[in-house]
Amino acid sequence: MPTSDKLISYLKDQLPESGIFNYFDFIKHVLYAPNIGYYTRPYNRIGKNSQSDFYTNTNLAPVFDSLIEASVANLLGKKNLKNFSFVEIGAEPGKNLFQNGDAKFKKIISIGNDEPINIPSQSMVFSNELLDAQPFHRIIFKDGRWLERGVRIFDNSLEEILLDKLSEPVSGIIDQLPTNCANGYQLDLPIGSNLLLKKIAEQNWSGLLLFFDYGKTWNELTEFTPQGTARTYHKHQMGDDLLAQPGELDITCHICWDWLEKILQENNFSSIKLERQESFFMNYAKNAIGDIFNNSEDASKIQTLKELIHPTYMGHKFQVLWGLRVL
């Protein structure tokens, strides 16, 4: 049975009493349903080959690994890396950083998308494109008010409808929403990314949080993205039909940097900063970059470095949110 058919059968079993999912619950099931969700089923999601869906920083090991290690050492200052566990959250199976075991950290811990998150007391917590892969709510401004979109199953197909009322998480931020939008303006509210970051930040650990992702400010989301930011990715092609081929397409949503920075502030992080990937590495991994350019006899390493820091490639696409905490 195709994955999409299995997923629709699973969705039927998960339907609430109303018979309609809000988008948050729909996306949660489509991406993370046990064994058949996009991120939980065995599938080669990342890479440059035609059978994968997207290409990201972690494909560029060992150069990316060396830049991360140099940046962490710089940000932690005089602290010994051997006292810190390196915790990577959301790594693809078999594609985590430092998987060769040659890093300078106390311990390397890889936590998959569907695994419990337990962070040691002194840690360096890292993720790459984790927060954009969390569930979100979809709302639309019509006739002077915000309405929430939902999904229902009709026969064996999915269709989008408007909910009778806002779900509780959306109602909880209604006072933050603009009151004068163009009719039809759509917002994809990345509330799932907030919940995940809170789960991480509220645990009792000291060290560095370092997240690579893509997102926008609240002002950008509410003024300059009238079609919303949620998209699908399949075989390196972007789409906007979130109901197509459930479980077989990657679905992502831009995160809101303002919300995430506030969560870190509320949990006693300091030196919180958001930077473009190129700026981050140029600021904190200069020595590693210089070593690659000056000492590498492997031209592919130099090309990989350019992919990571050049604005035309990943240098501008990704942003880096980081913060320090001492408890």
C-alpha atoms as a PDB file:
ATOM      1  CA  MET A   1       0.000   0.000   0.000  1.00  0.00           C
ATOM      2  CA  PRO A   2       1.444   3.448  -0.898  1.00  0.00           C
ATOM      3  CA  THR A   3       2.542   5.628   2.011  1.00  0.00           C
ATOM      4  CA  SER A   4      -0.158   8.220   1.282  1.00  0.00           C
ATOM      5  CA  ASP A   5      -2.920   5.581   1.511  1.00  0.00           C
ATOM      6  CA  LYS A   6      -1.501   4.302   4.805  1.00  0.00           C
ATOM      7  CA  LEU A   7      -1.367   7.841   6.118  1.00  0.00           C
ATOM      8  CA  ILE A   8      -4.976   8.617   5.221  1.00  0.00           C
ATOM      9  CA  SER A   9      -6.073   5.389   6.915  1.00  0.00           C
ATOM     10  CA  TYR A  10      -4.082   6.434   9.986  1.00  0.00           C
ATOM     11  CA  LEU A  11      -5.609   9.939   9.896  1.00  0.00           C
ATOM     12  CA  LYS A  12      -9.118   8.465   9.909  1.00  0.00           C
ATOM     13  CA  ASP A  13      -8.279   6.712  13.180  1.00  0.00           C
ATOM     14  CA  GLN A  14      -6.982   9.953  14.700  1.00  0.00           C
ATOM     15  CA  LEU A  15      -9.925  12.194  13.786  1.00  0.00           C
ATOM     16  CA  PRO A  16     -11.259  14.340  16.649  1.00  0.00           C
ATOM     17  CA  GLU A  17     -14.982  14.395  17.461  1.00  0.00           C
ATOM     18  CA  SER A  18     -15.521  17.282  15.064  1.00  0.00           C
ATOM     19  CA  GLY A  19     -14.211  15.152  12.195  1.00  0.00           C
ATOM     20  CA  ILE A  20     -11.818  17.953  11.258  1.00  0.00           C
ATOM     21  CA  PHE A  21      -8.130  18.504  12.008  1.00  0.00           C
ATOM     22  CA  ASN A  22      -6.669  21.904  12.625  1.00  0.00           C
ATOM     23  CA  TYR A  23      -3.488  22.249  10.602  1.00  0.00           C
ATOM     24  CA  PHE A  24      -1.234  21.762  13.618  1.00  0.00           C
ATOM     25  CA  ASP A  25      -2.589  18.295  14.316  1.00  0.00           C
ATOM     26  CA  PHE A  26      -2.740  17.391  10.633  1.00  0.00           C
ATOM     27  CA  ILE A  27       0.903  18.340  10.038  1.00  0.00           C
ATOM     28  CA  LYS A  28       1.966  16.562  13.243  1.00  0.00           C
ATOM     29  CA  HIS A  29       0.474  13.311  12.004  1.00  0.00           C
ATOM     30  CA  VAL A  30       1.682  13.656   8.424  1.00  0.00           C
ATOM     31  CA  LEU A  31       5.261  14.337   9.481  1.00  0.00           C
ATOM     32  CA  TYR A  32       5.565  12.212  12.625  1.00  0.00           C
ATOM     33  CA  ALA A  33       3.005   9.375  12.578  1.00  0.00           C
ATOM     34  CA  PRO A  34       4.872   6.271  13.830  1.00  0.00           C
ATOM     35  CA  ASN A  35       6.691   4.485  11.005  1.00  0.00           C
ATOM     36  CA  ILE A  36       4.689   6.145   8.196  1.00  0.00           C
ATOM     37  CA  GLY A  37       5.150   9.889   8.775  1.00  0.00           C
ATOM     38  CA  TYR A  38       7.536  11.730   6.496  1.00  0.00           C
ATOM     39  CA  TYR A  39      10.244  11.982   9.162  1.00  0.00           C
ATOM     40  CA  THR A  40       9.651   8.595  10.779  1.00  0.00           C
ATOM     41  CA  ARG A  41       9.544   6.220   7.834  1.00  0.00           C
ATOM     42  CA  PRO A  42      12.759   4.747   6.390  1.00  0.00           C
ATOM     43  CA  TYR A  43      13.624   7.083   3.533  1.00  0.00           C
ATOM     44  CA  ASN A  44      16.698   8.861   2.176  1.00  0.00           C
ATOM     45  CA  ARG A  45      15.427  12.423   2.582  1.00  0.00           C
ATOM     46  CA  ILE A  46      18.599  14.492   2.230  1.00  0.00           C
ATOM     47  CA  GLY A  47      21.306  14.611  -0.418  1.00  0.00           C
ATOM     48  CA  LYS A  48      22.056  15.845  -3.925  1.00  0.00           C
ATOM     49  CA  ASN A  49      20.902  12.711  -5.718  1.00  0.00           C
ATOM     50  CA  SER A  50      17.631  12.593  -7.641  1.00  0.00           C
ATOM     51  CA  GLN A  51      16.019  10.227  -5.126  1.00  0.00           C
ATOM     52  CA  SER A  52      16.322  12.616  -2.169  1.00  0.00           C
ATOM     53  CA  ASP A  53      14.133  15.640  -1.428  1.00  0.00           C
ATOM     54  CA  PHE A  54      16.413  18.385  -0.135  1.00  0.00           C
ATOM     55  CA  TYR A  55      20.024  19.320   0.464  1.00  0.00           C
ATOM     56  CA  THR A  56      21.343  20.938   3.645  1.00  0.00           C
ATOM     57  CA  ASN A  57      24.389  21.861   5.748  1.00  0.00           C
ATOM     58  CA  THR A  58      24.894  18.454   7.265  1.00  0.00           C
ATOM     59  CA  ASN A  59      25.486  16.964   3.826  1.00  0.00           C
ATOM     60  CA  LEU A  60      28.738  18.919   3.778  1.00  0.00           C
ATOM     61  CA  ALA A  61      30.760  16.994   6.354  1.00  0.00           C
ATOM     62  CA  PRO A  62      33.553  17.011   7.364  1.00  0.00           C
ATOM     63  CA  VAL A  63      33.944  20.724   6.508  1.00  0.00           C
ATOM     64  CA  PHE A  64      30.728  21.710   8.261  1.00  0.00           C
ATOM     65  CA  ASP A  65      31.768  19.667  11.315  1.00  0.00           C
ATOM     66  CA  SER A  66      35.107  21.468  11.555  1.00  0.00           C
ATOM     67  CA  LEU A  67      33.453  24.895  11.307  1.00  0.00           C
ATOM     68  CA  ILE A  68      30.958  23.958  14.030  1.00  0.00           C
ATOM     69  CA  GLU A  69      33.687  22.723  16.366  1.00  0.00           C
ATOM     70  CA  ALA A  70      35.778  25.860  15.823  1.00  0.00           C
ATOM     71  CA  SER A  71      32.754  28.119  16.379  1.00  0.00           C
ATOM     72  CA  VAL A  72      31.732  26.332  19.567  1.00  0.00           C
ATOM     73  CA  ALA A  73      35.266  26.563  20.968  1.00  0.00           C
ATOM     74  CA  ASN A  74      35.280  30.285  20.195  1.00  0.00           C
ATOM     75  CA  LEU A  75      31.858  30.955  21.745  1.00  0.00           C
ATOM     76  CA  LEU A  76      32.606  28.963  24.898  1.00  0.00           C
ATOM     77  CA  GLY A  77      35.820  30.909  25.368  1.00  0.00           C
ATOM     78  CA  LYS A  78      38.212  29.424  27.884  1.00  0.00           C
ATOM     79  CA  LYS A  79      35.918  26.561  28.801  1.00  0.00           C
ATOM     80  CA  ASN A  80      37.255  23.072  27.999  1.00  0.00           C
ATOM     81  CA  LEU A  81      35.169  21.284  25.342  1.00  0.00           C
ATOM     82  CA  LYS A  82      35.922  18.013  27.113  1.00  0.00           C
ATOM     83  CA  ASN A  83      33.521  19.129  29.859  1.00  0.00           C
ATOM     84  CA  PHE A  84      30.589  19.474  27.454  1.00  0.00           C
ATOM     85  CA  SER A  85      28.403  16.927  25.712  1.00  0.00           C
ATOM     86  CA  PHE A  86      27.581  17.738  22.095  1.00  0.00           C
ATOM     87  CA  VAL A  87      23.841  17.115  21.721  1.00  0.00           C
ATOM     88  CA  GLU A  88      22.425  17.104  18.196  1.00  0.00           C
ATOM     89  CA  ILE A  89      18.627  17.107  17.981  1.00  0.00           C
ATOM     90  CA  GLY A  90      16.756  16.008  14.868  1.00  0.00           C
ATOM     91  CA  ALA A  91      19.652  14.380  13.035  1.00  0.00           C
ATOM     92  CA  GLU A  92      18.916  12.063  10.155  1.00  0.00           C
ATOM     93  CA  PRO A  93      19.799   8.424  10.999  1.00  0.00           C
ATOM     94  CA  GLY A  94      23.479   7.851  10.277  1.00  0.00           C
ATOM     95  CA  LYS A  95      24.065  11.487   9.286  1.00  0.00           C
ATOM     96  CA  ASN A  96      24.780  13.133  12.618  1.00  0.00           C
ATOM     97  CA  LEU A  97      27.792  15.406  13.097  1.00  0.00           C
ATOM     98  CA  PHE A  98      31.040  13.969  14.436  1.00  0.00           C
ATOM     99  CA  GLN A  99      29.845  10.439  13.750  1.00  0.00           C
ATOM    100  CA  ASN A 100      33.463   9.377  13.279  1.00  0.00           C
ATOM    101  CA  GLY A 101      34.087  10.098  16.933  1.00  0.00           C
ATOM    102  CA  ASP A 102      37.030  12.470  16.408  1.00  0.00           C
ATOM    103  CA  ALA A 103      35.479  15.542  18.075  1.00  0.00           C
ATOM    104  CA  LYS A 104      36.892  17.109  21.226  1.00  0.00           C
ATOM    105  CA  PHE A 105      33.680  16.937  23.256  1.00  0.00           C
ATOM    106  CA  LYS A 106      33.036  14.826  26.341  1.00  0.00           C
ATOM    107  CA  LYS A 107      30.332  12.852  24.587  1.00  0.00           C
ATOM    108  CA  ILE A 108      28.457  12.923  21.275  1.00  0.00           C
ATOM    109  CA  ILE A 109      24.697  12.458  21.636  1.00  0.00           C
ATOM    110  CA  SER A 110      22.323  12.231  18.680  1.00  0.00           C
ATOM    111  CA  ILE A 111      18.574  12.542  19.331  1.00  0.00           C
ATOM    112  CA  GLY A 112      16.237  11.581  16.499  1.00  0.00           C
ATOM    113  CA  ASN A 113      12.999  13.357  15.615  1.00  0.00           C
ATOM    114  CA  ASP A 114      10.818  10.879  17.493  1.00  0.00           C
ATOM    115  CA  GLU A 115      13.070  10.308  20.516  1.00  0.00           C
ATOM    116  CA  PRO A 116      12.868  11.788  24.043  1.00  0.00           C
ATOM    117  CA  ILE A 117      15.012  14.863  24.633  1.00  0.00           C
ATOM    118  CA  ASN A 118      17.210  14.637  27.736  1.00  0.00           C
ATOM    119  CA  ILE A 119      20.103  17.091  27.905  1.00  0.00           C
ATOM    120  CA  PRO A 120      23.138  16.552  30.197  1.00  0.00           C
ATOM    121  CA  SER A 121      23.982  19.269  32.731  1.00  0.00           C
ATOM    122  CA  GLN A 122      26.807  20.759  30.634  1.00  0.00           C
ATOM    123  CA  SER A 123      25.990  20.647  26.952  1.00  0.00           C
ATOM    124  CA  MET A 124      26.367  22.221  23.576  1.00  0.00           C
ATOM    125  CA  VAL A 125      22.915  21.779  21.978  1.00  0.00           C
ATOM    126  CA  PHE A 126      22.847  21.875  18.173  1.00  0.00           C
ATOM    127  CA  SER A 127      20.231  21.485  15.466  1.00  0.00           C
ATOM    128  CA  ASN A 128      20.057  21.995  11.710  1.00  0.00           C
ATOM    129  CA  GLU A 129      16.633  22.583  10.137  1.00  0.00           C
ATOM    130  CA  LEU A 130      14.818  21.180  13.154  1.00  0.00           C
ATOM    131  CA  LEU A 131      12.447  23.995  14.062  1.00  0.00           C
ATOM    132  CA  ASP A 132      11.116  24.586  10.542  1.00  0.00           C
ATOM    133  CA  ALA A 133       9.933  20.955  10.512  1.00  0.00           C
ATOM    134  CA  GLN A 134       7.497  21.385  13.412  1.00  0.00           C
ATOM    135  CA  PRO A 135       3.679  21.602  13.185  1.00  0.00           C
ATOM    136  CA  PHE A 136       1.999  24.970  12.611  1.00  0.00           C
ATOM    137  CA  HIS A 137      -1.434  26.560  12.457  1.00  0.00           C
ATOM    138  CA  ARG A 138      -2.802  28.239   9.290  1.00  0.00           C
ATOM    139  CA  ILE A 139      -5.028  31.310   9.548  1.00  0.00           C
ATOM    140  CA  ILE A 140      -6.463  33.701   6.977  1.00  0.00           C
ATOM    141  CA  PHE A 141      -7.801  37.264   7.271  1.00  0.00           C
ATOM    142  CA  LYS A 142     -11.294  37.536   5.797  1.00  0.00           C
ATOM    143  CA  ASP A 143     -13.909  40.260   6.154  1.00  0.00           C
ATOM    144  CA  GLY A 144     -12.081  41.986   8.973  1.00  0.00           C
ATOM    145  CA  ARG A 145     -11.262  38.970  11.150  1.00  0.00           C
ATOM    146  CA  TRP A 146      -8.917  36.028  11.405  1.00  0.00           C
ATOM    147  CA  LEU A 147     -10.249  32.554  10.578  1.00  0.00           C
ATOM    148  CA  GLU A 148      -8.424  29.258  11.012  1.00  0.00           C
ATOM    149  CA  ARG A 149      -7.962  26.699   8.284  1.00  0.00           C
ATOM    150  CA  GLY A 150      -8.439  22.993   8.873  1.00  0.00           C
ATOM    151  CA  VAL A 151      -8.376  19.689   7.009  1.00  0.00           C
ATOM    152  CA  ARG A 152     -11.067  17.056   6.656  1.00  0.00           C
ATOM    153  CA  ILE A 153     -11.149  13.664   4.959  1.00  0.00           C
ATOM    154  CA  PHE A 154     -13.716  13.401   2.201  1.00  0.00           C
ATOM    155  CA  ASP A 155     -13.999   9.839   0.880  1.00  0.00           C
ATOM    156  CA  ASN A 156     -10.292   8.966   0.658  1.00  0.00           C
ATOM    157  CA  SER A 157      -9.011  12.428  -0.188  1.00  0.00           C
ATOM    158  CA  LEU A 158      -8.122  15.492   1.869  1.00  0.00           C
ATOM    159  CA  GLU A 159      -9.649  18.931   1.542  1.00  0.00           C
ATOM    160  CA  GLU A 160      -9.075  22.239   3.247  1.00  0.00           C
ATOM    161  CA  ILE A 161     -11.929  24.031   5.016  1.00  0.00           C
ATOM    162  CA  LEU A 162     -12.400  26.875   7.505  1.00  0.00           C
ATOM    163  CA  LEU A 163     -12.946  25.959  11.148  1.00  0.00           C
ATOM    164  CA  ASP A 164     -15.977  27.240  13.054  1.00  0.00           C
ATOM    165  CA  LYS A 165     -13.744  28.797  15.691  1.00  0.00           C
ATOM    166  CA  LEU A 166     -10.079  29.423  16.438  1.00  0.00           C
ATOM    167  CA  SER A 167      -8.191  26.658  18.231  1.00  0.00           C
ATOM    168  CA  GLU A 168      -6.907  27.425  21.711  1.00  0.00           C
ATOM    169  CA  PRO A 169      -3.249  28.113  20.727  1.00  0.00           C
ATOM    170  CA  VAL A 170      -4.356  30.606  18.067  1.00  0.00           C
ATOM    171  CA  SER A 171      -6.856  32.260  20.409  1.00  0.00           C
ATOM    172  CA  GLY A 172      -4.002  32.611  22.893  1.00  0.00           C
ATOM    173  CA  ILE A 173      -2.076  34.941  20.578  1.00  0.00           C
ATOM    174  CA  ILE A 174      -5.032  36.768  19.031  1.00  0.00           C
ATOM    175  CA  ASP A 175      -3.886  40.056  20.587  1.00  0.00           C
ATOM    176  CA  GLN A 176      -0.572  39.780  18.678  1.00  0.00           C
ATOM    177  CA  LEU A 177      -2.251  39.457  15.297  1.00  0.00           C
ATOM    178  CA  PRO A 178      -2.571  42.518  13.046  1.00  0.00           C
ATOM    179  CA  THR A 179      -6.086  43.938  12.825  1.00  0.00           C
ATOM    180  CA  ASN A 180      -5.792  45.603   9.443  1.00  0.00           C
ATOM    181  CA  CYS A 181      -4.600  43.129   6.816  1.00  0.00           C
ATOM    182  CA  ALA A 182      -5.455  42.763   3.168  1.00  0.00           C
ATOM    183  CA  ASN A 183      -8.416  40.447   2.646  1.00  0.00           C
ATOM    184  CA  GLY A 184      -7.080  36.938   2.063  1.00  0.00           C
ATOM    185  CA  TYR A 185      -3.748  37.483   3.850  1.00  0.00           C
ATOM    186  CA  GLN A 186      -2.558  34.126   5.156  1.00  0.00           C
ATOM    187  CA  LEU A 187      -0.331  33.397   8.147  1.00  0.00           C
ATOM    188  CA  ASP A 188       1.364  30.113   8.955  1.00  0.00           C
ATOM    189  CA  LEU A 189       1.939  30.331  12.701  1.00  0.00           C
ATOM    190  CA  PRO A 190       5.029  28.296  13.720  1.00  0.00           C
ATOM    191  CA  ILE A 191       3.769  27.472  17.194  1.00  0.00           C
ATOM    192  CA  GLY A 192       5.290  23.979  17.145  1.00  0.00           C
ATOM    193  CA  SER A 193       8.796  25.443  16.961  1.00  0.00           C
ATOM    194  CA  ASN A 194       8.057  27.483  20.097  1.00  0.00           C
ATOM    195  CA  LEU A 195       6.883  24.408  21.998  1.00  0.00           C
ATOM    196  CA  LEU A 196       9.973  22.437  21.038  1.00  0.00           C
ATOM    197  CA  LEU A 197      12.406  25.213  21.960  1.00  0.00           C
ATOM    198  CA  LYS A 198      10.663  25.635  25.322  1.00  0.00           C
ATOM    199  CA  LYS A 199      11.050  21.910  25.984  1.00  0.00           C
ATOM    200  CA  ILE A 200      14.786  22.243  25.311  1.00  0.00           C
ATOM    201  CA  ALA A 201      15.383  25.564  27.087  1.00  0.00           C
ATOM    202  CA  GLU A 202      13.403  24.712  30.218  1.00  0.00           C
ATOM    203  CA  GLN A 203      15.626  21.733  31.026  1.00  0.00           C
ATOM    204  CA  ASN A 204      18.310  22.217  33.660  1.00  0.00           C
ATOM    205  CA  TRP A 205      21.542  22.524  31.684  1.00  0.00           C
ATOM    206  CA  SER A 206      24.333  25.031  31.131  1.00  0.00           C
ATOM    207  CA  GLY A 207      26.251  25.758  27.959  1.00  0.00           C
ATOM    208  CA  LEU A 208      25.566  26.840  24.400  1.00  0.00           C
ATOM    209  CA  LEU A 209      22.495  26.546  22.176  1.00  0.00           C
ATOM    210  CA  LEU A 210      23.250  26.723  18.451  1.00  0.00           C
ATOM    211  CA  PHE A 211      20.414  26.336  15.937  1.00  0.00           C
ATOM    212  CA  PHE A 212      20.733  26.613  12.152  1.00  0.00           C
ATOM    213  CA  ASP A 213      17.453  27.234  10.351  1.00  0.00           C
ATOM    214  CA  TYR A 214      15.513  29.671   8.226  1.00  0.00           C
ATOM    215  CA  GLY A 215      12.837  32.046   9.394  1.00  0.00           C
ATOM    216  CA  LYS A 216      11.510  35.572   9.491  1.00  0.00           C
ATOM    217  CA  THR A 217      10.714  38.276  12.006  1.00  0.00           C
ATOM    218  CA  TRP A 218       7.116  38.747  13.151  1.00  0.00           C
ATOM    219  CA  ASN A 219       6.970  41.942  11.126  1.00  0.00           C
ATOM    220  CA  GLU A 220       8.067  40.088   7.972  1.00  0.00           C
ATOM    221  CA  LEU A 221       5.529  37.323   8.525  1.00  0.00           C
ATOM    222  CA  THR A 222       2.627  39.713   9.084  1.00  0.00           C
ATOM    223  CA  GLU A 223       3.450  42.265   6.385  1.00  0.00           C
ATOM    224  CA  PHE A 224       5.438  40.668   3.579  1.00  0.00           C
ATOM    225  CA  THR A 225       4.290  37.034   3.212  1.00  0.00           C
ATOM    226  CA  PRO A 226       0.610  37.248   2.121  1.00  0.00           C
ATOM    227  CA  GLN A 227       0.588  33.642   0.879  1.00  0.00           C
ATOM    228  CA  GLY A 228       2.074  32.253   4.079  1.00  0.00           C
ATOM    229  CA  THR A 229       5.421  30.455   4.276  1.00  0.00           C
ATOM    230  CA  ALA A 230       4.512  26.741   4.430  1.00  0.00           C
ATOM    231  CA  ARG A 231       5.867  24.761   1.491  1.00  0.00           C
ATOM    232  CA  THR A 232       6.447  21.176   0.375  1.00  0.00           C
ATOM    233  CA  TYR A 233       9.686  19.700  -0.962  1.00  0.00           C
ATOM    234  CA  HIS A 234       9.925  16.575  -3.072  1.00  0.00           C
ATOM    235  CA  LYS A 235      12.799  15.538  -5.335  1.00  0.00           C
ATOM    236  CA  HIS A 236      14.290  19.029  -4.870  1.00  0.00           C
ATOM    237  CA  GLN A 237      11.136  20.726  -6.159  1.00  0.00           C
ATOM    238  CA  MET A 238       9.188  23.193  -4.033  1.00  0.00           C
ATOM    239  CA  GLY A 239       5.382  23.119  -3.961  1.00  0.00           C
ATOM    240  CA  ASP A 240       2.491  24.707  -2.088  1.00  0.00           C
ATOM    241  CA  ASP A 241      -0.104  21.908  -1.983  1.00  0.00           C
ATOM    242  CA  LEU A 242       0.193  20.736   1.620  1.00  0.00           C
ATOM    243  CA  LEU A 243      -2.448  18.049   1.149  1.00  0.00           C
ATOM    244  CA  ALA A 244      -0.733  16.225  -1.708  1.00  0.00           C
ATOM    245  CA  GLN A 245       0.784  12.775  -1.143  1.00  0.00           C
ATOM    246  CA  PRO A 246       0.603  12.820   2.678  1.00  0.00           C
ATOM    247  CA  GLY A 247       3.673  11.302   4.269  1.00  0.00           C
ATOM    248  CA  GLU A 248       5.652  11.416   1.034  1.00  0.00           C
ATOM    249  CA  LEU A 249       6.494  15.142   0.903  1.00  0.00           C
ATOM    250  CA  ASP A 250       8.551  17.263   3.243  1.00  0.00           C
ATOM    251  CA  ILE A 251       6.467  20.097   4.717  1.00  0.00           C
ATOM    252  CA  THR A 252       8.209  23.094   6.271  1.00  0.00           C
ATOM    253  CA  CYS A 253       7.240  26.474   7.650  1.00  0.00           C
ATOM    254  CA  HIS A 254       9.384  29.555   8.368  1.00  0.00           C
ATOM    255  CA  ILE A 255       9.969  30.009  12.072  1.00  0.00           C
ATOM    256  CA  CYS A 256       9.509  33.321  13.899  1.00  0.00           C
ATOM    257  CA  TRP A 257      12.829  34.542  15.253  1.00  0.00           C
ATOM    258  CA  ASP A 258      11.271  37.087  17.631  1.00  0.00           C
ATOM    259  CA  TRP A 259       9.287  34.373  19.409  1.00  0.00           C
ATOM    260  CA  LEU A 260      12.321  32.115  19.741  1.00  0.00           C
ATOM    261  CA  GLU A 261      14.601  34.863  21.052  1.00  0.00           C
ATOM    262  CA  LYS A 262      11.990  35.699  23.685  1.00  0.00           C
ATOM    263  CA  ILE A 263      11.884  32.061  24.832  1.00  0.00           C
ATOM    264  CA  LEU A 264      15.663  32.073  25.318  1.00  0.00           C
ATOM    265  CA  GLN A 265      15.484  35.351  27.237  1.00  0.00           C
ATOM    266  CA  GLU A 266      12.773  33.968  29.512  1.00  0.00           C
ATOM    267  CA  ASN A 267      14.987  30.959  30.248  1.00  0.00           C
ATOM    268  CA  ASN A 268      18.064  32.943  31.319  1.00  0.00           C
ATOM    269  CA  PHE A 269      20.116  32.707  28.138  1.00  0.00           C
ATOM    270  CA  SER A 270      22.503  35.574  27.496  1.00  0.00           C
ATOM    271  CA  SER A 271      24.472  36.859  24.502  1.00  0.00           C
ATOM    272  CA  ILE A 272      21.509  35.851  22.340  1.00  0.00           C
ATOM    273  CA  LYS A 273      22.245  36.600  18.725  1.00  0.00           C
ATOM    274  CA  LEU A 274      20.792  35.919  15.282  1.00  0.00           C
ATOM    275  CA  GLU A 275      23.205  35.951  12.335  1.00  0.00           C
ATOM    276  CA  ARG A 276      23.366  34.913   8.721  1.00  0.00           C
ATOM    277  CA  GLN A 277      25.318  31.680   8.327  1.00  0.00           C
ATOM    278  CA  GLU A 278      28.100  33.386   6.372  1.00  0.00           C
ATOM    279  CA  SER A 279      28.536  36.032   9.085  1.00  0.00           C
ATOM    280  CA  PHE A 280      28.418  33.474  11.863  1.00  0.00           C
ATOM    281  CA  PHE A 281      31.222  31.363  10.445  1.00  0.00           C
ATOM    282  CA  MET A 282      33.303  34.381   9.417  1.00  0.00           C
ATOM    283  CA  ASN A 283      32.983  35.741  12.967  1.00  0.00           C
ATOM    284  CA  TYR A 284      33.624  32.558  14.936  1.00  0.00           C
ATOM    285  CA  ALA A 285      35.433  30.064  12.691  1.00  0.00           C
ATOM    286  CA  LYS A 286      38.053  32.247  10.998  1.00  0.00           C
ATOM    287  CA  ASN A 287      40.955  29.997  11.885  1.00  0.00           C
ATOM    288  CA  ALA A 288      39.239  26.881  10.552  1.00  0.00           C
ATOM    289  CA  ILE A 289      38.311  28.700   7.358  1.00  0.00           C
ATOM    290  CA  GLY A 290      41.890  29.882   6.951  1.00  0.00           C
ATOM    291  CA  ASP A 291      43.236  26.379   7.485  1.00  0.00           C
ATOM    292  CA  ILE A 292      40.992  24.996   4.754  1.00  0.00           C
ATOM    293  CA  PHE A 293      41.940  27.675   2.248  1.00  0.00           C
ATOM    294  CA  ASN A 294      45.667  27.657   3.045  1.00  0.00           C
ATOM    295  CA  ASN A 295      46.406  24.028   3.834  1.00  0.00           C
ATOM    296  CA  SER A 296      43.926  21.913   1.950  1.00  0.00           C
ATOM    297  CA  GLU A 297      45.230  19.926  -0.991  1.00  0.00           C
ATOM    298  CA  ASP A 298      41.700  18.739  -1.649  1.00  0.00           C
ATOM    299  CA  ALA A 299      39.904  21.187  -3.960  1.00  0.00           C
ATOM    300  CA  SER A 300      36.555  19.670  -3.016  1.00  0.00           C
ATOM    301  CA  LYS A 301      36.971  20.936   0.569  1.00  0.00           C
ATOM    302  CA  ILE A 302      37.414  24.483  -0.676  1.00  0.00           C
ATOM    303  CA  GLN A 303      34.344  24.130  -2.872  1.00  0.00           C
ATOM    304  CA  THR A 304      32.378  22.767   0.080  1.00  0.00           C
ATOM    305  CA  LEU A 305      33.466  25.715   2.203  1.00  0.00           C
ATOM    306  CA  LYS A 306      32.250  28.106  -0.488  1.00  0.00           C
ATOM    307  CA  GLU A 307      28.869  26.387  -0.500  1.00  0.00           C
ATOM    308  CA  LEU A 308      28.572  26.893   3.237  1.00  0.00           C
ATOM    309  CA  ILE A 309      29.573  30.558   3.446  1.00  0.00           C
ATOM    310  CA  HIS A 310      28.934  32.139   0.060  1.00  0.00           C
ATOM    311  CA  PRO A 311      25.739  34.273  -0.030  1.00  0.00           C
ATOM    312  CA  THR A 312      24.701  32.708  -3.337  1.00  0.00           C
ATOM    313  CA  TYR A 313      24.543  29.279  -1.700  1.00  0.00           C
ATOM    314  CA  MET A 314      23.845  28.447   1.957  1.00  0.00           C
ATOM    315  CA  GLY A 315      25.590  31.453   3.456  1.00  0.00           C
ATOM    316  CA  HIS A 316      22.516  33.638   2.991  1.00  0.00           C
ATOM    317  CA  LYS A 317      19.800  30.971   3.003  1.00  0.00           C
ATOM    318  CA  PHE A 318      20.397  29.868   6.590  1.00  0.00           C
ATOM    319  CA  GLN A 319      20.441  31.877   9.779  1.00  0.00           C
ATOM    320  CA  VAL A 320      21.982  30.948  13.107  1.00  0.00           C
ATOM    321  CA  LEU A 321      20.365  31.555  16.488  1.00  0.00           C
ATOM    322  CA  TRP A 322      22.659  31.089  19.443  1.00  0.00           C
ATOM    323  CA  GLY A 323      22.793  31.857  23.128  1.00  0.00           C
ATOM    324  CA  LEU A 324      24.792  31.030  26.236  1.00  0.00           C
ATOM    325  CA  ARG A 325      23.535  30.042  29.662  1.00  0.00           C
ATOM    326  CA  VAL A 326      25.249  29.552  33.000  1.00  0.00           C
ATOM    327  CA  LEU A 327      23.125  28.020  35.776  1.00  0.00           C
END
